Amino acid sequence: MGKTRLEAFSDGVLAIIITIMVLELKVPHSPTFEALAELLPVFLSYVLSFIFVGIYWANHHHLLHTVNKVNGAIIWANNHLLFWLSLIPFTTGWMGENHFEPLPVAAYGVVMFCAGVAYTILTVVIIRSQGSGSALAKAVGKDWKGKLVLPLILFGILAAFVIHPWVAGACYVAVAAIWFIPDRRIEKSLTSEV
């Protein structure tokens, strides 16, 4: 089966996720800086989540460029990833509305951790489907980013309760910074095949 519908469906889900998140930003009822300041936690959680969704979209885009054909396993692994990403608006809103209290910050981390695991599973499923000589298999090789971020998110989840929610937030920001530039290994692998 071709990959066009999978790409279109994924793009649509990610666009809806961002739309839902921005709709959670409520307009202040007062034209003052104080009213805007009250929205700062919600806005900050939105910015972080927008960056995360953008990172997932960019890396997903690169990932699917390596796919020649999709099968049921790829479709369901992709749906698994989209499920976790679809929970981002909920945890984003909960975290912002509650001014970064420990439980919402940890829940945000759990969703990010599960999305990272789902992305890893999708990568493994694609490699199994496309073969060990595929562009993706060659590109993944030394995946220091993938090996670093999941433990960092886990540390953030624990830090939300044990140290301080802002330490957890710093861990999540660090993860976003690590992945902000799309994984160039895939681009290089695809270029070398041409």
Protein backbone atom coordinates (compact mmCIF):
# COMPACT_ATOMS: atom_id res chain seq x y z
CA MET A 1 0.00 0.00 0.00
CA GLY A 2 1.11 3.55 -0.67
CA LYS A 3 1.92 5.99 2.10
CA THR A 4 -0.06 9.02 0.89
CA ARG A 5 -3.13 8.44 3.05
CA LEU A 6 -1.00 7.76 6.12
CA GLU A 7 0.86 11.04 5.61
CA ALA A 8 -2.35 12.98 4.99
CA PHE A 9 -4.09 11.51 8.03
CA SER A 10 -1.09 12.19 10.27
CA ASP A 11 -0.76 15.78 9.02
CA GLY A 12 -4.47 16.34 9.65
CA VAL A 13 -4.33 14.98 13.19
CA LEU A 14 -1.29 17.12 14.03
CA ALA A 15 -2.99 20.22 12.59
CA ILE A 16 -6.06 19.55 14.73
CA ILE A 17 -3.87 19.10 17.83
CA ILE A 18 -2.33 22.53 17.31
CA THR A 19 -5.75 24.05 16.63
CA ILE A 20 -7.18 22.61 19.84
CA MET A 21 -4.22 23.95 21.82
CA VAL A 22 -4.55 27.49 20.49
CA LEU A 23 -8.27 27.50 21.20
CA GLU A 24 -7.42 26.94 24.87
CA LEU A 25 -5.79 30.39 24.96
CA LYS A 26 -8.60 32.52 26.33
CA VAL A 27 -8.84 36.24 25.62
CA PRO A 28 -8.43 38.34 28.78
CA HIS A 29 -11.56 40.16 29.94
CA SER A 30 -9.54 43.20 30.90
CA PRO A 31 -7.24 45.37 28.75
CA THR A 32 -4.42 45.37 31.30
CA PHE A 33 -0.96 43.88 31.62
CA GLU A 34 -2.10 42.17 34.82
CA ALA A 35 -4.76 40.30 32.86
CA LEU A 36 -2.14 39.22 30.33
CA ALA A 37 0.22 38.16 33.13
CA GLU A 38 -2.44 35.82 34.48
CA LEU A 39 -2.36 33.99 31.13
CA LEU A 40 1.42 33.58 31.14
CA PRO A 41 1.47 29.97 32.46
CA VAL A 42 -1.08 28.89 29.85
CA PHE A 43 0.84 30.69 27.12
CA LEU A 44 4.18 29.17 28.17
CA SER A 45 2.74 25.65 28.20
CA TYR A 46 1.23 26.33 24.76
CA VAL A 47 4.57 27.52 23.34
CA LEU A 48 6.38 24.43 24.64
CA SER A 49 3.70 22.11 23.28
CA PHE A 50 3.58 23.89 19.92
CA ILE A 51 7.33 23.35 19.63
CA PHE A 52 6.97 19.67 20.56
CA VAL A 53 4.20 19.08 18.03
CA GLY A 54 6.26 20.90 15.39
CA ILE A 55 9.26 18.71 16.22
CA TYR A 56 7.18 15.56 15.94
CA TRP A 57 5.71 16.74 12.65
CA ALA A 58 9.14 17.53 11.16
CA ASN A 59 10.72 14.27 12.29
CA HIS A 60 7.64 12.26 11.27
CA HIS A 61 7.87 13.92 7.86
CA HIS A 62 11.51 12.84 7.52
CA LEU A 63 10.70 9.38 8.85
CA LEU A 64 7.94 8.77 6.30
CA HIS A 65 10.21 9.85 3.45
CA THR A 66 12.12 6.62 4.06
CA VAL A 67 9.00 4.48 3.63
CA ASN A 68 8.29 2.87 0.28
CA LYS A 69 5.17 0.94 1.24
CA VAL A 70 3.05 0.79 4.38
CA ASN A 71 1.57 -2.26 6.00
CA GLY A 72 -0.80 -2.84 8.90
CA ALA A 73 2.01 -2.76 11.47
CA ILE A 74 3.17 0.67 10.27
CA ILE A 75 -0.39 2.00 10.26
CA TRP A 76 -1.03 0.85 13.83
CA ALA A 77 2.37 2.00 15.10
CA ASN A 78 1.60 5.40 13.55
CA ASN A 79 -1.85 5.45 15.19
CA HIS A 80 -0.18 4.61 18.51
CA LEU A 81 2.05 7.68 18.12
CA LEU A 82 -0.90 9.88 17.12
CA PHE A 83 -2.84 8.70 20.18
CA TRP A 84 -0.17 9.98 22.56
CA LEU A 85 0.27 13.19 20.61
CA SER A 86 -3.49 13.77 20.74
CA LEU A 87 -3.26 13.95 24.55
CA ILE A 88 -0.88 16.92 24.39
CA PRO A 89 -3.68 19.54 24.35
CA PHE A 90 -5.17 18.06 27.52
CA THR A 91 -1.92 17.97 29.50
CA THR A 92 -0.88 21.34 28.09
CA GLY A 93 -4.09 22.96 29.29
CA TRP A 94 -3.98 21.19 32.65
CA MET A 95 -0.38 22.21 33.26
CA GLY A 96 -0.93 25.86 32.28
CA GLU A 97 -4.25 26.33 34.06
CA ASN A 98 -2.78 24.95 37.27
CA HIS A 99 0.36 27.10 37.13
CA PHE A 100 2.79 24.20 36.77
CA GLU A 101 1.76 22.21 39.84
CA PRO A 102 3.61 18.86 40.26
CA LEU A 103 0.91 16.43 39.10
CA PRO A 104 -0.01 18.23 35.84
CA VAL A 105 3.70 18.77 35.04
CA ALA A 106 4.40 15.08 35.65
CA ALA A 107 1.36 14.08 33.55
CA TYR A 108 2.71 16.24 30.73
CA GLY A 109 5.99 14.38 31.01
CA VAL A 110 4.24 11.00 30.95
CA VAL A 111 2.51 11.93 27.69
CA MET A 112 5.82 13.15 26.23
CA PHE A 113 7.58 9.97 27.37
CA CYS A 114 4.88 7.73 25.87
CA ALA A 115 4.97 9.72 22.60
CA GLY A 116 8.75 9.23 22.50
CA VAL A 117 8.37 5.48 23.06
CA ALA A 118 5.68 5.35 20.36
CA TYR A 119 7.95 7.20 17.91
CA THR A 120 10.72 4.69 18.67
CA ILE A 121 8.31 1.80 18.07
CA LEU A 122 7.22 3.34 14.76
CA THR A 123 10.87 3.63 13.72
CA VAL A 124 11.54 -0.03 14.59
CA VAL A 125 8.41 -1.19 12.76
CA ILE A 126 9.39 0.76 9.64
CA ILE A 127 12.92 -0.67 9.70
CA ARG A 128 11.52 -4.21 10.02
CA SER A 129 9.18 -3.56 7.11
CA GLN A 130 11.70 -1.85 4.83
CA GLY A 131 14.67 -4.06 5.69
CA SER A 132 18.03 -3.68 7.39
CA GLY A 133 19.52 -2.09 4.25
CA SER A 134 16.87 0.63 4.08
CA ALA A 135 17.68 4.33 4.27
CA LEU A 136 16.12 4.53 7.73
CA ALA A 137 18.10 1.57 9.07
CA LYS A 138 21.30 3.18 7.82
CA ALA A 139 20.34 6.56 9.25
CA VAL A 140 19.32 5.43 12.72
CA GLY A 141 22.72 3.91 13.54
CA LYS A 142 24.04 6.02 16.43
CA ASP A 143 20.86 7.47 17.87
CA TRP A 144 22.27 9.54 20.73
CA LYS A 145 19.26 11.86 20.75
CA GLY A 146 16.78 9.03 21.18
CA LYS A 147 18.89 7.43 23.91
CA LEU A 148 19.26 10.71 25.80
CA VAL A 149 15.77 12.19 25.73
CA LEU A 150 13.67 9.37 27.21
CA PRO A 151 15.76 9.19 30.42
CA LEU A 152 15.74 13.00 30.57
CA ILE A 153 11.94 13.04 30.39
CA LEU A 154 11.74 10.32 33.08
CA PHE A 155 14.00 12.42 35.28
CA GLY A 156 11.68 15.37 34.64
CA ILE A 157 8.63 13.36 35.70
CA LEU A 158 10.30 12.39 38.97
CA ALA A 159 11.68 15.90 39.48
CA ALA A 160 8.17 17.35 39.29
CA PHE A 161 7.41 15.62 42.61
CA VAL A 162 10.79 15.24 44.29
CA ILE A 163 12.66 18.44 43.40
CA HIS A 164 10.46 21.12 41.81
CA PRO A 165 8.11 21.34 38.80
CA TRP A 166 10.38 23.98 37.24
CA VAL A 167 13.22 21.42 37.14
CA ALA A 168 10.87 19.10 35.26
CA GLY A 169 10.00 21.95 32.91
CA ALA A 170 13.70 22.59 32.32
CA CYS A 171 14.12 18.92 31.38
CA TYR A 172 11.24 19.17 28.88
CA VAL A 173 12.69 22.37 27.40
CA ALA A 174 16.07 20.62 27.09
CA VAL A 175 14.41 17.77 25.17
CA ALA A 176 12.77 20.27 22.81
CA ALA A 177 16.12 22.01 22.32
CA ILE A 178 17.82 18.70 21.50
CA TRP A 179 15.22 17.83 18.86
CA PHE A 180 14.54 21.35 17.56
CA ILE A 181 16.63 20.76 14.44
CA PRO A 182 15.19 17.79 12.53
CA ASP A 183 17.27 14.65 12.46
CA ARG A 184 19.67 15.21 9.56
CA ARG A 185 20.77 11.58 9.52
CA ILE A 186 17.68 10.67 7.53
CA GLU A 187 18.24 13.47 5.01
CA LYS A 188 21.86 12.39 4.57
CA SER A 189 20.88 8.73 4.17
CA LEU A 190 18.26 9.56 1.54
CA THR A 191 20.68 11.83 -0.33
CA SER A 192 23.36 9.14 -0.42
CA GLU A 193 20.90 6.65 -1.98
CA VAL A 194 20.15 8.92 -4.94
